[in-house]
Protein backbone atom coordinates (compact mmCIF):
# COMPACT_ATOMS: atom_id res chain seq x y z
CA MET A 1 0.00 0.00 0.00
CA GLN A 2 1.33 3.38 -1.02
CA VAL A 3 0.26 7.01 -0.88
CA ALA A 4 0.71 9.98 -3.17
CA VAL A 5 2.10 13.22 -1.76
CA ILE A 6 1.52 16.89 -2.56
CA ILE A 7 4.22 19.15 -1.14
CA SER A 8 4.95 22.85 -1.60
CA SER A 9 7.08 23.62 1.47
CA GLY A 10 10.17 22.30 3.17
CA LEU A 11 7.96 21.74 6.23
CA GLY A 12 6.90 18.44 4.69
CA TRP A 13 10.35 17.32 3.59
CA PRO A 14 11.29 15.24 6.69
CA ALA A 15 7.95 13.42 6.48
CA LEU A 16 8.34 12.77 2.76
CA GLN A 17 11.83 11.35 3.29
CA ALA A 18 10.56 9.08 6.06
CA LEU A 19 7.69 7.80 3.92
CA ALA A 20 9.98 7.23 0.93
CA ALA A 21 12.41 5.25 3.08
CA GLN A 22 9.53 2.86 3.88
CA GLY A 23 8.62 2.48 0.20
CA GLY A 24 5.36 4.21 0.92
CA VAL A 25 5.31 6.89 -1.79
CA ALA A 26 4.02 6.15 -5.28
CA ALA A 27 4.35 9.66 -6.71
CA VAL A 28 4.77 13.30 -5.70
CA ALA A 29 3.18 16.50 -7.00
CA VAL A 30 4.69 19.94 -6.46
CA PRO A 31 2.56 23.04 -7.23
CA TYR A 32 3.87 25.92 -9.29
CA CYS A 33 3.48 28.50 -6.52
CA ALA A 34 5.44 31.07 -4.55
CA PRO A 35 8.16 31.02 -3.51
CA ALA A 36 9.15 29.64 -6.89
CA ALA A 37 12.74 28.95 -5.86
CA GLU A 38 11.62 26.75 -2.96
CA THR A 39 9.12 24.70 -4.97
CA GLU A 40 11.62 24.24 -7.80
CA GLN A 41 14.21 23.01 -5.30
CA LEU A 42 11.65 20.64 -3.77
CA ALA A 43 10.88 19.18 -7.19
CA GLN A 44 14.58 18.57 -7.78
CA GLN A 45 15.00 16.98 -4.33
CA VAL A 46 12.04 14.67 -4.95
CA ALA A 47 13.52 13.58 -8.28
CA ALA A 48 16.83 12.90 -6.51
CA LEU A 49 14.97 10.45 -4.25
CA GLY A 50 14.00 8.51 -7.36
CA LEU A 51 10.31 9.43 -7.11
CA PRO A 52 8.22 10.57 -10.11
CA VAL A 53 7.41 14.29 -9.91
CA THR A 54 4.42 16.09 -11.38
CA ARG A 55 4.03 19.89 -11.34
CA LEU A 56 0.57 21.32 -10.66
CA SER A 57 -0.80 24.60 -12.00
CA ARG A 58 -3.72 26.48 -10.46
CA PRO A 59 -5.74 27.12 -13.65
CA GLN A 60 -5.74 23.40 -14.52
CA LEU A 61 -5.73 22.02 -10.99
CA SER A 62 -8.71 19.69 -11.30
CA ALA A 63 -7.51 18.22 -14.61
CA ASP A 64 -3.90 17.99 -13.40
CA LEU A 65 -4.86 16.14 -10.24
CA THR A 66 -7.26 13.80 -12.01
CA SER A 67 -4.73 12.79 -14.66
CA TRP A 68 -2.00 12.47 -12.03
CA LEU A 69 -4.04 10.10 -9.86
CA ALA A 70 -5.61 8.04 -12.66
CA PRO A 71 -2.72 5.55 -13.11
CA LEU A 72 -1.87 5.40 -9.40
CA SER A 73 -3.27 2.80 -7.03
CA VAL A 74 -2.97 4.75 -3.80
CA ALA A 75 -5.02 4.68 -0.62
CA ALA A 76 -4.76 8.40 0.01
CA VAL A 77 -3.05 11.62 -0.94
CA LEU A 78 -1.04 13.24 1.85
CA VAL A 79 -0.88 17.01 1.57
CA PHE A 80 1.82 19.28 2.99
CA THR A 81 1.00 23.01 2.68
CA MET A 82 -1.15 23.01 -0.45
CA PRO A 83 -1.77 26.69 -1.33
CA TRP A 84 -5.04 26.17 -3.27
CA ARG A 85 -8.47 24.71 -2.63
CA ILE A 86 -8.79 21.21 -4.11
CA PRO A 87 -12.05 20.63 -6.02
CA ALA A 88 -14.57 18.49 -4.14
CA ALA A 89 -14.88 15.96 -6.98
CA VAL A 90 -11.12 15.31 -6.86
CA LEU A 91 -11.12 14.88 -3.08
CA ALA A 92 -13.26 11.76 -3.47
CA LEU A 93 -10.91 9.98 -5.90
CA PRO A 94 -8.62 8.10 -3.43
CA PRO A 95 -10.40 5.63 -1.11
CA GLN A 96 -9.15 7.44 2.03
CA GLY A 97 -9.37 10.88 0.46
CA PHE A 98 -6.86 13.71 0.77
CA LEU A 99 -5.24 13.90 4.22
CA ASN A 100 -3.85 17.31 5.07
CA PHE A 101 -1.05 17.93 7.59
CA HIS A 102 -2.10 21.11 9.37
CA LEU A 103 0.66 22.26 11.69
CA ALA A 104 -1.51 23.67 14.45
CA PRO A 105 -4.37 22.53 16.70
CA LEU A 106 -7.80 22.20 15.08
CA PRO A 107 -10.37 23.65 15.15
CA ALA A 108 -8.92 26.52 17.19
CA TYR A 109 -6.22 27.50 14.69
CA ARG A 110 -7.49 27.15 11.17
CA GLY A 111 -5.92 29.28 8.48
CA PRO A 112 -2.81 29.70 6.27
CA GLU A 113 -0.34 30.99 8.90
CA PRO A 114 -1.32 29.51 12.27
CA LEU A 115 2.23 29.48 13.69
CA PHE A 116 2.31 33.27 13.83
CA TRP A 117 -0.96 33.44 15.73
CA LEU A 118 -0.05 30.61 18.12
CA LEU A 119 3.08 32.45 19.24
CA ARG A 120 1.54 35.92 19.19
CA ASN A 121 -1.31 34.68 21.37
CA GLY A 122 1.06 33.11 23.90
CA GLU A 123 -0.04 29.51 23.42
CA THR A 124 2.14 26.89 25.10
CA THR A 125 1.15 23.96 22.86
CA GLY A 126 1.05 23.53 19.10
CA ALA A 127 0.23 20.38 17.16
CA VAL A 128 0.63 18.28 14.06
CA THR A 129 -2.98 17.65 13.04
CA VAL A 130 -3.93 15.36 10.15
CA HIS A 131 -7.46 15.88 8.86
CA ARG A 132 -9.41 14.62 5.89
CA MET A 133 -9.87 17.50 3.49
CA ASP A 134 -13.36 18.64 2.52
CA ALA A 135 -14.82 21.52 0.54
CA ASP A 136 -13.78 24.18 3.08
CA PHE A 137 -10.36 25.07 4.52
CA ASP A 138 -9.16 23.07 7.56
CA THR A 139 -12.65 21.84 8.50
CA GLY A 140 -12.61 18.10 7.72
CA PRO A 141 -12.59 15.31 10.33
CA VAL A 142 -9.34 14.77 12.23
CA VAL A 143 -7.68 11.36 11.86
CA LEU A 144 -4.45 11.92 13.85
CA ALA A 145 -3.12 14.66 16.13
CA GLU A 146 0.06 15.02 18.14
CA SER A 147 0.75 17.88 20.54
CA VAL A 148 4.02 19.80 20.22
CA PRO A 149 5.10 22.02 23.15
CA ILE A 150 5.95 25.66 22.53
CA GLY A 151 8.83 26.73 24.78
CA PRO A 152 8.96 30.21 26.36
CA ALA A 153 11.86 31.20 24.09
CA ASP A 154 10.65 29.49 20.91
CA THR A 155 10.56 31.64 17.80
CA HIS A 156 8.46 31.07 14.71
CA GLY A 157 11.45 29.38 13.08
CA LEU A 158 12.21 27.09 16.03
CA HIS A 159 8.63 25.94 16.43
CA ARG A 160 8.33 25.45 12.68
CA ALA A 161 11.40 23.18 12.72
CA GLN A 162 9.98 21.19 15.65
CA LEU A 163 6.69 20.70 13.81
CA ALA A 164 8.47 19.54 10.66
CA GLY A 165 10.39 16.97 12.69
CA ARG A 166 7.29 15.72 14.49
CA ALA A 167 5.36 15.38 11.23
CA ALA A 168 7.64 12.55 10.12
CA PRO A 169 6.65 9.98 12.80
CA VAL A 170 3.01 11.06 12.45
CA ALA A 171 3.21 10.34 8.72
CA LEU A 172 4.70 6.89 9.40
CA ARG A 173 1.90 6.11 11.87
CA LEU A 174 -0.58 7.14 9.21
CA LEU A 175 1.09 4.91 6.62
CA ALA A 176 1.07 1.95 9.03
CA SER A 177 -2.67 2.43 9.58
CA LEU A 178 -3.35 2.53 5.87
CA ARG A 179 -1.30 -0.64 5.41
CA GLY A 180 -3.19 -2.46 8.17
CA GLU A 181 -0.07 -2.62 10.35
CA ALA A 182 -1.59 -0.40 13.04
CA ALA A 183 -5.03 0.51 14.30
CA PRO A 184 -7.32 1.79 11.53
CA LEU A 185 -7.98 5.51 11.19
CA THR A 186 -10.95 6.78 13.18
CA PRO A 187 -11.93 10.19 11.80
CA MET A 188 -13.43 12.51 14.40
CA ALA A 189 -15.53 15.50 13.41
CA GLN A 190 -14.09 18.80 14.57
CA ALA A 191 -15.87 20.49 17.44
CA GLU A 192 -17.89 23.62 16.74
CA ALA A 193 -16.02 25.45 19.51
CA PRO A 194 -13.42 26.85 19.85
CA ALA A 195 -13.31 26.84 16.04
CA ARG A 196 -11.69 29.93 14.52
CA TYR A 197 -10.18 30.78 11.16
CA TRP A 198 -7.13 33.02 11.45
CA PRO A 199 -6.38 35.07 8.33
CA ARG A 200 -2.96 35.66 6.89
CA PRO A 201 -1.35 38.40 9.04
CA GLY A 202 -1.45 41.89 7.62
CA LEU A 203 0.92 44.80 8.11
CA ALA A 204 -0.82 46.11 11.22
CA ASP A 205 -0.55 42.66 12.85
CA VAL A 206 3.26 42.69 12.75
CA CYS A 207 3.80 46.28 13.91
CA VAL A 208 4.94 47.00 17.47
CA GLN A 209 2.55 49.08 19.56
CA TRP A 210 4.78 50.48 22.27
CA ASP A 211 1.94 51.15 24.71
CA ALA A 212 1.20 47.41 24.80
CA PRO A 213 2.37 45.24 27.74
CA VAL A 214 5.95 44.03 27.45
CA VAL A 215 4.84 40.37 27.27
CA THR A 216 2.66 41.17 24.24
CA ILE A 217 5.54 42.80 22.38
CA GLU A 218 7.96 39.99 23.28
CA ARG A 219 5.51 37.41 21.90
CA LEU A 220 5.12 39.40 18.70
CA VAL A 221 8.90 39.50 18.25
CA ARG A 222 9.17 35.73 18.62
CA ALA A 223 6.19 35.21 16.29
CA THR A 224 7.89 37.18 13.49
CA ASN A 225 11.42 35.74 13.76
CA PRO A 226 12.54 34.85 11.10
CA TRP A 227 9.16 35.06 9.38
CA ASN A 228 8.69 38.72 8.33
CA ARG A 229 12.30 39.39 9.44
CA GLY A 230 10.99 40.53 12.83
CA ALA A 231 8.37 42.81 14.39
CA LEU A 232 8.17 46.19 12.68
CA THR A 233 8.77 49.56 14.32
CA THR A 234 10.51 52.72 13.12
CA LEU A 235 13.75 54.49 13.99
CA ARG A 236 14.15 58.05 12.72
CA GLY A 237 11.37 57.41 10.24
CA GLN A 238 12.97 54.27 8.80
CA PRO A 239 11.86 50.62 9.26
CA LEU A 240 13.45 48.80 12.20
CA ARG A 241 12.65 45.13 12.76
CA LEU A 242 13.00 43.50 16.17
CA LEU A 243 14.29 39.92 16.12
CA ALA A 244 15.18 39.33 19.78
CA VAL A 245 14.34 41.28 22.94
CA THR A 246 14.59 40.83 26.71
CA PRO A 247 11.56 42.01 28.72
CA HIS A 248 11.84 43.84 32.04
CA PRO A 249 8.52 44.43 33.82
CA HIS A 250 9.85 47.10 36.23
CA ALA A 251 12.59 48.93 34.31
CA ALA A 252 10.89 52.33 34.17
CA THR A 253 10.79 54.18 37.50
CA GLY A 254 9.08 57.41 36.41
CA PRO A 255 6.75 58.77 33.73
CA THR A 256 7.83 57.63 30.27
CA THR A 257 6.74 57.86 26.67
CA PRO A 258 6.04 54.47 25.03
CA GLY A 259 8.78 53.75 22.52
CA MET A 260 11.30 56.07 24.20
CA VAL A 261 14.87 54.85 24.70
CA LEU A 262 15.30 54.86 28.51
CA HIS A 263 18.87 53.59 28.78
CA ALA A 264 21.61 53.38 26.18
CA ASP A 265 25.05 52.39 27.39
CA PRO A 266 27.48 49.47 26.86
CA THR A 267 26.85 48.06 30.35
CA THR A 268 23.04 47.84 30.50
CA GLY A 269 22.30 47.83 26.78
CA LEU A 270 19.55 49.67 24.94
CA TRP A 271 16.21 49.68 26.77
CA VAL A 272 12.91 51.00 25.37
CA ALA A 273 9.82 51.97 27.37
CA CYS A 274 6.58 50.09 26.78
CA GLY A 275 3.36 49.25 28.55
CA THR A 276 2.98 50.89 31.96
CA GLY A 277 6.28 51.14 33.81
CA GLU A 278 7.77 48.37 31.67
CA ALA A 279 10.66 48.17 29.22
CA LEU A 280 12.47 45.78 26.95
CA ARG A 281 16.06 45.49 25.81
CA LEU A 282 16.81 45.36 22.11
CA ASP A 283 19.08 42.35 21.62
CA MET A 284 18.95 41.80 17.84
CA VAL A 285 17.44 44.02 15.14
CA ALA A 286 17.33 44.33 11.37
CA LEU A 287 17.78 47.53 9.36
CA ASP A 288 17.92 47.93 5.61
CA GLU A 289 21.70 48.00 6.08
CA GLY A 290 21.85 44.60 7.82
CA TYR A 291 21.45 42.83 11.16
CA PHE A 292 22.75 44.42 14.36
CA THR A 293 22.88 43.81 18.09
CA GLY A 294 21.49 46.39 20.49
CA LEU A 295 25.03 47.38 21.42
CA GLN A 296 25.83 47.99 17.77
CA LEU A 297 22.86 50.37 17.63
CA LEU A 298 24.60 52.39 20.34
CA GLN A 299 27.69 52.57 18.16
CA LEU A 300 25.47 53.82 15.33
CA GLY A 301 24.45 56.73 17.53
CA VAL A 302 21.10 55.66 18.97
CA GLY A 303 20.81 57.30 22.38
CA THR A 304 18.60 58.01 25.37
CA GLY A 305 15.48 59.99 24.60
CA GLU A 306 15.02 58.80 21.02
CA ILE A 307 11.52 57.59 20.16
CA LEU A 308 10.77 54.41 18.24
CA GLY A 309 7.54 54.69 16.29
CA SER A 310 4.47 52.44 16.09
CA SER A 311 2.99 53.57 12.78
CA PRO A 312 2.84 50.95 10.01
CA LEU A 313 5.15 51.59 7.10
CA PRO A 314 5.04 50.08 3.61
CA GLY A 315 7.63 47.35 2.99
């Protein structure tokens, strides 16, 4: 018994390798989608594994999928980060349907970029959730789910890597079930609550609001590193992205302006006021000119009293 695989992101690569090592993959399809360099590289990597590769285009998706599956005798299609809605008629072609690996808990974190929202919201647990795809996004019955802890210092990139690693054993468990070597799949309908669809983050979602509590800003920074190259603020009217910060709940002892640099010296670092009587230290930032530590910002002339802005900027 074999499966077919659709993959458009390196998130699914460890799982695909594990499945291929077990002889479980009949064929692989890679969509023509952004980022083009990543999907092209994936197609080349799949070919290097000795697996047949088909490229999918959005305008001809139904026809492409139908012709791709016609000669294959597969139990299911496993999907890793498919960017487009699959037509309902195609979903019914394999006996076990299309099984999507959604890298977040369902139904609470539906949507295209759940990792950002998990971290921004301060969740302590993520998940690898496999659900049978239906006509809507991320709504089909769940067949397997494995919790993945989110550490207090985890960034978007770290949690993403942990999820990719955990998806591999989940995929092997799924394959064993399909082959009759483990307990059969028992799809469970998703609960109506706390179901929520989280949209793709917009510009305002990634901008620092300096009057927010320090814990809120620190979560935003971790949720955007390296995705979005950090949380966006401004320095002297130019974009400044925060990649790592250290919160201090009691750093400000008197009245302050949110976003104001409170301390700037080589011993204590560069501290910025936020929330109410709170501050955070800038540990790593990105400018158009490159990546810098907070101490390097001091060397560039950033000093006490300067104000970092909260207004969204293009780019």
